[in-house]
Amino acid sequence: MRRLLLLVCAIVLADTVLYSALAPLLPHYADEFGLSKGEAGLLVGAYAAGALLAALPGGLAAARFGPRRAVIGGLVLMAVASVAFGFADSAPALGLARLAQGVGSALSWTGGLAWLVAGTPRARRGEMIGTAMGAAIFGALLGPAVGAVAEALGSRVVFSAIAGISLLLVGWALRTQAVAADPQPARAYLRAVREPVILGALWLIVLPAVLFGVISVLVPLELGDAGWSAAAIAAAFIGSAAIEMVVAPLLGRFSDRRGRLLPLRIALAGGVAVTTGLAFAGRPAVVVVLLVATAVTFGAFWAPAMALLADGAERMGLAQGLAFGLLNASWGAGNSVGPPLGGALADLGGDALPYALLALVCAVTLLAVSRGRRLLGTPLARVPESS
């Protein structure tokens, strides 16, 4: 189990390095290609859009062909797309490369997490998922630093090196013991989304994806307008991710012991506070402090929500590959909508408008989770086995 955990941690780390490397590069691309905040949001959101497009097919592939094959396919595609991103010379080319990276991400995340859950006892599921998320967050920590290096040395060299790392991970996956495939029909998705536990878990994945998506656009652009360099912006995101990396495994273990909903209610309350603060923040120093706070509040959703989804899938007999396909679809939906929507709303009414709306959404969700905790714990109907 330890070898598998290390492999999955390396896979999600590489993925989030790619995703978050854009943050310090975004002001440069916005200036070079004359992008508005809304257009910059589309570039940021292209990665998540690719993950959204491939999420459900990726889940079916992981269930039918096995998680290891899904992981290998995703890593190969990420390698090719990374080279394309490094050599892109226009905004549409950058966007298409980011889209392809997201497709590869959907396959590698779905396969990797399904592989991990299949080899983990339920009593330690939150801890293992939290550890994997800690590695993913470490990738988010390294990503801005990689972006700053790409700003200094050139995108071609840096993103080609990332492609090489992805291919090394392919070799590691080939030498790791596979788990059995669990093929199920596509209609299993329809049965799954009728269950309150599954729907609740998916929304609790969508919401932080939207929150982080908006932050990834508005904060770098605000700091860039204030005269911050790519390196300084990277440092702010690195500090935030470092805290989230430490907190994620602890929250996963806490959810194993105290249940999935308590840490989620705490995260929602924190989300209300932080987004309200960002709506009124007027100085870069205050924005950076609140950016660090998002690491604890927004990051606290991931491990318990993902463990809640895995628990629900197990109880209804849904293949974990399909469950994590739904997870990727939820994350992709939130993170593909969040950046362009946040940027467009900021263009219309200033940064305070999207932050205030997010605070309201967090508050309504907190109320719904508090009132619906019994519903989220109801028994689930099993999905019939495929013929």
Protein backbone atom coordinates (compact mmCIF):
# COMPACT_ATOMS: atom_id res chain seq x y z
CA MET A 1 0.00 0.00 0.00
CA ARG A 2 2.87 2.36 0.74
CA ARG A 3 4.35 2.00 -2.76
CA LEU A 4 0.96 2.69 -4.31
CA LEU A 5 0.40 5.71 -2.07
CA LEU A 6 3.77 7.15 -3.10
CA LEU A 7 2.96 6.65 -6.77
CA VAL A 8 -0.45 8.30 -6.52
CA CYS A 9 1.09 11.17 -4.55
CA ALA A 10 3.67 11.68 -7.31
CA ILE A 11 0.98 11.61 -10.01
CA VAL A 12 -1.28 14.20 -8.40
CA LEU A 13 1.75 16.33 -7.48
CA ALA A 14 2.86 16.49 -11.12
CA ASP A 15 -0.68 17.33 -12.18
CA THR A 16 -1.09 20.23 -9.79
CA VAL A 17 2.33 21.59 -10.68
CA LEU A 18 1.07 21.93 -14.24
CA TYR A 19 -2.22 23.46 -13.16
CA SER A 20 -0.80 26.06 -10.78
CA ALA A 21 2.29 27.02 -12.79
CA LEU A 22 0.16 29.48 -14.74
CA ALA A 23 -0.51 31.82 -11.78
CA PRO A 24 2.74 33.86 -11.90
CA LEU A 25 2.78 33.68 -15.71
CA LEU A 26 -0.75 35.03 -16.07
CA PRO A 27 0.12 38.76 -15.92
CA HIS A 28 2.80 38.18 -18.59
CA TYR A 29 0.38 36.38 -20.92
CA ALA A 30 -2.32 38.98 -20.25
CA ASP A 31 0.08 41.76 -21.30
CA GLU A 32 1.55 39.85 -24.26
CA PHE A 33 -1.81 38.89 -25.77
CA GLY A 34 -3.91 41.81 -24.48
CA LEU A 35 -6.26 39.67 -22.39
CA SER A 36 -9.08 41.13 -20.28
CA LYS A 37 -9.81 39.62 -16.87
CA GLY A 38 -12.58 37.56 -18.41
CA GLU A 39 -10.28 36.28 -21.18
CA ALA A 40 -7.56 35.52 -18.63
CA GLY A 41 -10.18 33.57 -16.72
CA LEU A 42 -10.92 31.52 -19.84
CA LEU A 43 -7.23 30.64 -20.12
CA VAL A 44 -7.07 29.60 -16.47
CA GLY A 45 -10.31 27.66 -16.75
CA ALA A 46 -9.28 25.76 -19.91
CA TYR A 47 -7.44 23.15 -17.83
CA ALA A 48 -10.52 22.44 -15.74
CA ALA A 49 -12.68 22.43 -18.88
CA GLY A 50 -10.54 19.62 -20.27
CA ALA A 51 -10.91 17.72 -17.01
CA LEU A 52 -14.67 18.23 -17.21
CA LEU A 53 -14.89 16.95 -20.80
CA ALA A 54 -12.91 13.80 -20.00
CA ALA A 55 -14.20 13.15 -16.48
CA LEU A 56 -17.06 10.75 -17.14
CA PRO A 57 -15.38 8.93 -20.05
CA GLY A 58 -12.26 8.70 -17.89
CA GLY A 59 -14.26 7.14 -15.07
CA LEU A 60 -15.71 4.56 -17.43
CA ALA A 61 -12.24 3.82 -18.80
CA ALA A 62 -10.78 3.36 -15.30
CA ALA A 63 -13.63 1.03 -14.35
CA ARG A 64 -13.57 -0.99 -17.59
CA PHE A 65 -9.83 -1.21 -18.30
CA GLY A 66 -8.47 -0.77 -14.78
CA PRO A 67 -7.06 2.26 -12.94
CA ARG A 68 -3.45 1.63 -14.00
CA ARG A 69 -4.22 1.90 -17.72
CA ALA A 70 -6.17 5.11 -17.11
CA VAL A 71 -3.19 6.55 -15.23
CA ILE A 72 -0.74 5.67 -18.01
CA GLY A 73 -2.95 7.16 -20.73
CA GLY A 74 -3.40 10.35 -18.74
CA LEU A 75 0.32 10.78 -18.08
CA VAL A 76 1.24 10.32 -21.73
CA LEU A 77 -1.31 12.92 -22.81
CA MET A 78 -0.12 15.35 -20.13
CA ALA A 79 3.44 14.98 -21.41
CA VAL A 80 2.46 15.81 -24.99
CA ALA A 81 0.25 18.72 -23.91
CA SER A 82 2.99 20.18 -21.71
CA VAL A 83 5.37 20.38 -24.65
CA ALA A 84 2.61 22.03 -26.70
CA PHE A 85 2.03 24.60 -23.95
CA GLY A 86 5.72 25.44 -23.72
CA PHE A 87 5.95 26.08 -27.48
CA ALA A 88 2.58 27.88 -27.87
CA ASP A 89 2.83 31.34 -29.45
CA SER A 90 -0.76 32.58 -29.20
CA ALA A 91 -3.59 32.73 -26.69
CA PRO A 92 -5.70 30.10 -28.55
CA ALA A 93 -2.72 27.73 -28.69
CA LEU A 94 -2.13 28.18 -24.97
CA GLY A 95 -5.80 27.53 -24.29
CA LEU A 96 -5.87 24.34 -26.39
CA ALA A 97 -2.75 23.03 -24.68
CA ARG A 98 -4.27 23.73 -21.27
CA LEU A 99 -7.44 21.94 -22.38
CA ALA A 100 -5.42 18.86 -23.38
CA GLN A 101 -3.55 18.94 -20.08
CA GLY A 102 -6.91 18.88 -18.32
CA VAL A 103 -8.03 15.82 -20.31
CA GLY A 104 -4.87 14.00 -19.26
CA SER A 105 -5.41 15.14 -15.69
CA ALA A 106 -8.91 13.64 -15.63
CA LEU A 107 -7.54 10.23 -16.60
CA SER A 108 -4.58 10.28 -14.20
CA TRP A 109 -6.58 11.56 -11.20
CA THR A 110 -9.49 9.19 -11.76
CA GLY A 111 -7.23 6.19 -12.21
CA GLY A 112 -4.86 7.15 -9.42
CA LEU A 113 -7.47 7.80 -6.74
CA ALA A 114 -9.55 4.76 -7.71
CA TRP A 115 -6.36 2.68 -7.53
CA LEU A 116 -5.57 4.08 -4.07
CA VAL A 117 -9.07 3.62 -2.63
CA ALA A 118 -9.22 0.04 -3.93
CA GLY A 119 -6.10 -0.78 -1.90
CA THR A 120 -7.05 1.10 1.30
CA PRO A 121 -9.23 -0.07 4.24
CA ARG A 122 -12.27 2.16 4.77
CA ALA A 123 -11.11 3.09 8.28
CA ARG A 124 -8.04 4.78 6.78
CA ARG A 125 -9.65 6.12 3.61
CA GLY A 126 -9.81 9.74 4.71
CA GLU A 127 -6.20 9.65 5.87
CA MET A 128 -4.93 8.17 2.58
CA ILE A 129 -6.97 10.58 0.48
CA GLY A 130 -5.81 13.43 2.69
CA THR A 131 -2.19 12.36 2.19
CA ALA A 132 -2.66 12.27 -1.57
CA MET A 133 -4.28 15.69 -1.41
CA GLY A 134 -1.33 16.93 0.63
CA ALA A 135 0.93 15.83 -2.23
CA ALA A 136 -1.38 17.55 -4.71
CA ILE A 137 -1.17 20.71 -2.65
CA PHE A 138 2.62 20.40 -2.56
CA GLY A 139 2.38 20.40 -6.34
CA ALA A 140 0.31 23.56 -6.10
CA LEU A 141 3.10 24.94 -3.90
CA LEU A 142 5.76 24.06 -6.46
CA GLY A 143 3.69 25.14 -9.45
CA PRO A 144 4.02 28.90 -8.95
CA ALA A 145 7.75 28.45 -8.40
CA VAL A 146 7.93 26.48 -11.66
CA GLY A 147 5.99 29.28 -13.35
CA ALA A 148 8.45 31.84 -12.03
CA VAL A 149 11.35 29.73 -13.34
CA ALA A 150 9.61 29.51 -16.71
CA GLU A 151 9.32 33.29 -16.72
CA ALA A 152 13.08 33.52 -16.20
CA LEU A 153 14.39 30.61 -18.31
CA GLY A 154 11.67 30.25 -20.91
CA SER A 155 8.54 28.12 -21.11
CA ARG A 156 9.94 25.70 -23.70
CA VAL A 157 12.67 24.35 -21.43
CA VAL A 158 10.60 24.15 -18.26
CA PHE A 159 7.46 22.57 -19.71
CA SER A 160 9.50 20.09 -21.74
CA ALA A 161 11.16 19.03 -18.48
CA ILE A 162 7.71 18.52 -16.93
CA ALA A 163 6.81 16.30 -19.89
CA GLY A 164 9.89 14.18 -19.18
CA ILE A 165 8.83 13.75 -15.55
CA SER A 166 5.39 12.57 -16.69
CA LEU A 167 7.01 9.88 -18.82
CA LEU A 168 9.14 8.74 -15.86
CA LEU A 169 5.91 8.31 -13.89
CA VAL A 170 4.58 6.10 -16.69
CA GLY A 171 7.52 3.76 -16.09
CA TRP A 172 6.85 3.74 -12.35
CA ALA A 173 3.18 2.90 -12.90
CA LEU A 174 4.09 0.00 -15.19
CA ARG A 175 6.18 -1.50 -12.37
CA THR A 176 3.41 -1.16 -9.76
CA GLN A 177 0.89 -3.94 -9.17
CA ALA A 178 -2.46 -3.25 -10.80
CA VAL A 179 -5.90 -3.76 -9.24
CA ALA A 180 -8.77 -5.52 -10.94
CA ALA A 181 -11.07 -3.63 -13.27
CA ASP A 182 -14.68 -3.18 -12.15
CA PRO A 183 -16.66 -2.57 -15.35
CA GLN A 184 -20.12 -1.06 -14.98
CA PRO A 185 -22.54 0.44 -17.52
CA ALA A 186 -22.69 4.18 -18.13
CA ARG A 187 -26.23 4.22 -16.69
CA ALA A 188 -24.65 3.67 -13.27
CA TYR A 189 -23.83 7.40 -13.36
CA LEU A 190 -27.55 8.21 -13.57
CA ARG A 191 -28.38 6.08 -10.55
CA ALA A 192 -25.49 7.57 -8.60
CA VAL A 193 -26.54 11.19 -9.05
CA ARG A 194 -29.99 10.42 -7.64
CA GLU A 195 -28.49 9.60 -4.24
CA PRO A 196 -28.31 12.43 -1.67
CA VAL A 197 -24.87 11.40 -0.37
CA ILE A 198 -23.37 11.40 -3.85
CA LEU A 199 -25.00 14.70 -4.83
CA GLY A 200 -24.01 16.34 -1.57
CA ALA A 201 -20.40 15.17 -1.88
CA LEU A 202 -20.21 16.38 -5.48
CA TRP A 203 -21.48 19.86 -4.60
CA LEU A 204 -18.92 20.04 -1.79
CA ILE A 205 -16.27 19.40 -4.45
CA VAL A 206 -17.73 21.90 -6.94
CA LEU A 207 -17.79 24.73 -4.40
CA PRO A 208 -14.09 24.84 -3.42
CA ALA A 209 -13.19 24.39 -7.09
CA VAL A 210 -15.16 27.56 -7.86
CA LEU A 211 -13.60 29.34 -4.89
CA PHE A 212 -10.04 28.45 -5.85
CA GLY A 213 -10.77 29.19 -9.50
CA VAL A 214 -11.86 32.73 -8.74
CA ILE A 215 -8.86 33.26 -6.45
CA SER A 216 -6.44 32.00 -9.14
CA VAL A 217 -7.56 34.80 -11.48
CA LEU A 218 -8.33 37.78 -9.27
CA VAL A 219 -5.47 37.58 -6.77
CA PRO A 220 -2.58 37.36 -9.30
CA LEU A 221 -4.07 40.16 -11.40
CA GLU A 222 -4.66 42.37 -8.36
CA LEU A 223 -1.13 41.82 -7.10
CA GLY A 224 0.26 42.36 -10.61
CA ASP A 225 -1.61 45.67 -10.87
CA ALA A 226 -0.06 46.66 -7.53
CA GLY A 227 3.41 46.15 -9.03
CA TRP A 228 4.22 42.70 -7.68
CA SER A 229 6.63 40.61 -9.77
CA ALA A 230 5.99 37.06 -10.93
CA ALA A 231 8.36 35.83 -8.22
CA ALA A 232 6.52 37.76 -5.50
CA ILE A 233 3.15 36.45 -6.68
CA ALA A 234 4.60 32.94 -6.73
CA ALA A 235 5.85 33.38 -3.16
CA ALA A 236 2.37 34.38 -1.97
CA PHE A 237 0.80 31.27 -3.54
CA ILE A 238 3.63 29.07 -2.25
CA GLY A 239 3.04 30.23 1.32
CA SER A 240 -0.66 29.53 0.98
CA ALA A 241 -0.12 26.07 -0.49
CA ALA A 242 2.45 25.16 2.16
CA ILE A 243 -0.13 25.58 4.90
CA GLU A 244 -2.77 23.66 2.97
CA MET A 245 -0.32 20.81 2.39
CA VAL A 246 0.17 20.35 6.13
CA VAL A 247 -3.52 20.63 6.96
CA ALA A 248 -4.90 18.18 4.34
CA PRO A 249 -3.72 14.86 5.86
CA LEU A 250 -4.76 16.01 9.34
CA LEU A 251 -8.25 16.82 8.09
CA GLY A 252 -8.49 13.45 6.37
CA ARG A 253 -7.58 11.68 9.61
CA PHE A 254 -9.99 13.91 11.55
CA SER A 255 -12.81 12.95 9.17
CA ASP A 256 -12.04 9.24 9.72
CA ARG A 257 -12.50 9.72 13.45
CA ARG A 258 -15.22 12.36 13.75
CA GLY A 259 -17.23 11.85 10.56
CA ARG A 260 -17.15 13.61 7.21
CA LEU A 261 -19.63 16.44 7.87
CA LEU A 262 -18.09 18.21 10.87
CA PRO A 263 -14.91 19.34 9.03
CA LEU A 264 -17.09 20.32 6.06
CA ARG A 265 -19.28 22.58 8.22
CA ILE A 266 -16.15 24.20 9.66
CA ALA A 267 -14.80 24.73 6.12
CA LEU A 268 -18.05 26.36 4.99
CA ALA A 269 -18.08 28.75 7.95
CA GLY A 270 -14.48 29.68 7.19
CA GLY A 271 -15.36 30.17 3.53
CA VAL A 272 -17.99 32.74 4.46
CA ALA A 273 -15.48 34.66 6.56
CA VAL A 274 -12.63 34.62 4.04
CA THR A 275 -14.65 35.57 0.96
CA THR A 276 -16.32 38.39 2.89
CA GLY A 277 -12.87 39.63 3.90
CA LEU A 278 -11.64 39.52 0.29
CA ALA A 279 -14.66 41.56 -0.81
CA PHE A 280 -13.52 44.39 1.46
CA ALA A 281 -9.72 43.98 1.19
CA GLY A 282 -8.15 47.11 -0.24
CA ARG A 283 -4.42 46.56 0.25
CA PRO A 284 -2.16 43.90 -1.29
CA ALA A 285 -0.86 42.89 2.14
CA VAL A 286 -4.40 42.17 3.34
CA VAL A 287 -5.14 40.20 0.16
CA VAL A 288 -2.06 38.04 0.78
CA VAL A 289 -3.07 37.35 4.39
CA LEU A 290 -6.51 36.29 3.20
CA LEU A 291 -4.95 34.21 0.42
CA VAL A 292 -3.12 32.26 3.12
CA ALA A 293 -6.40 31.86 5.02
CA THR A 294 -8.00 30.31 1.94
CA ALA A 295 -5.51 27.46 2.25
CA VAL A 296 -7.14 26.33 5.48
CA THR A 297 -10.76 27.17 4.69
CA PHE A 298 -11.11 26.21 1.03
CA GLY A 299 -8.60 23.37 1.32
CA ALA A 300 -10.54 21.83 4.20
CA PHE A 301 -13.24 20.67 1.78
CA TRP A 302 -11.20 18.22 -0.25
CA ALA A 303 -10.33 15.20 1.92
CA PRO A 304 -13.66 14.84 3.78
CA ALA A 305 -15.77 15.50 0.66
CA MET A 306 -13.78 12.99 -1.39
CA ALA A 307 -13.93 10.40 1.40
CA LEU A 308 -17.70 11.01 1.66
CA LEU A 309 -17.97 10.34 -2.07
CA ALA A 310 -15.90 7.14 -1.83
CA ASP A 311 -17.97 5.95 1.14
CA GLY A 312 -21.19 6.59 -0.72
CA ALA A 313 -19.93 4.82 -3.83
CA GLU A 314 -18.93 1.78 -1.80
CA ARG A 315 -22.28 1.62 -0.04
CA MET A 316 -24.25 1.67 -3.29
CA GLY A 317 -21.90 -0.66 -5.17
CA LEU A 318 -20.63 2.02 -7.57
CA ALA A 319 -17.17 1.39 -9.03
CA GLN A 320 -14.64 3.78 -7.51
CA GLY A 321 -13.46 4.65 -11.03
CA LEU A 322 -16.94 5.96 -11.81
CA ALA A 323 -17.09 7.78 -8.47
CA PHE A 324 -13.84 9.59 -9.16
CA GLY A 325 -15.00 10.27 -12.70
CA LEU A 326 -17.89 12.16 -11.11
CA LEU A 327 -15.38 13.88 -8.82
CA ASN A 328 -13.35 15.09 -11.80
CA ALA A 329 -16.52 16.27 -13.52
CA SER A 330 -17.47 18.24 -10.42
CA TRP A 331 -14.01 19.75 -9.98
CA GLY A 332 -13.81 20.50 -13.69
CA ALA A 333 -17.23 22.16 -13.69
CA GLY A 334 -16.35 24.34 -10.73
CA ASN A 335 -12.90 25.29 -11.89
CA SER A 336 -13.85 25.86 -15.52
CA VAL A 337 -16.76 28.12 -14.54
CA GLY A 338 -15.13 29.86 -11.58
CA PRO A 339 -12.21 31.64 -13.31
CA PRO A 340 -14.07 33.14 -16.30
CA LEU A 341 -17.19 33.91 -14.26
CA GLY A 342 -15.16 35.53 -11.49
CA GLY A 343 -13.17 37.53 -14.02
CA ALA A 344 -16.28 38.62 -15.92
CA LEU A 345 -18.08 39.68 -12.72
CA ALA A 346 -14.96 41.60 -11.65
CA ASP A 347 -14.93 43.39 -15.01
CA LEU A 348 -18.56 44.40 -14.41
CA GLY A 349 -18.59 45.33 -10.73
CA GLY A 350 -15.06 45.10 -9.35
CA ASP A 351 -13.49 42.24 -7.41
CA ALA A 352 -15.88 42.71 -4.49
CA LEU A 353 -18.85 41.44 -6.53
CA PRO A 354 -17.69 37.82 -7.13
CA TYR A 355 -16.32 37.56 -3.59
CA ALA A 356 -19.61 38.72 -2.06
CA LEU A 357 -21.60 36.24 -4.16
CA LEU A 358 -19.28 33.41 -3.10
CA ALA A 359 -19.76 34.32 0.56
CA LEU A 360 -23.51 34.04 0.05
CA VAL A 361 -23.18 30.64 -1.65
CA CYS A 362 -21.02 29.34 1.22
CA ALA A 363 -23.57 30.55 3.77
CA VAL A 364 -26.49 28.89 1.97
CA THR A 365 -24.52 25.64 1.63
CA LEU A 366 -23.63 25.69 5.33
CA LEU A 367 -27.31 25.99 6.18
CA ALA A 368 -28.20 23.14 3.81
CA VAL A 369 -25.49 20.83 5.20
CA SER A 370 -26.52 21.55 8.77
CA ARG A 371 -30.17 20.80 8.04
CA GLY A 372 -29.52 17.87 5.74
CA ARG A 373 -26.98 15.91 7.78
CA ARG A 374 -29.47 13.08 8.41
CA LEU A 375 -30.33 12.87 4.71
CA LEU A 376 -26.64 12.60 3.85
CA GLY A 377 -26.40 9.60 6.12
CA THR A 378 -29.32 7.60 4.72
CA PRO A 379 -28.74 4.12 3.28
CA LEU A 380 -28.05 3.94 -0.43
CA ALA A 381 -29.57 1.74 -3.08
CA ARG A 382 -27.05 -0.56 -4.71
CA VAL A 383 -26.22 -0.21 -8.38
CA PRO A 384 -27.05 -3.44 -10.21
CA GLU A 385 -24.09 -5.26 -11.68
CA SER A 386 -23.48 -4.93 -15.39
CA SER A 387 -24.27 -7.79 -17.65
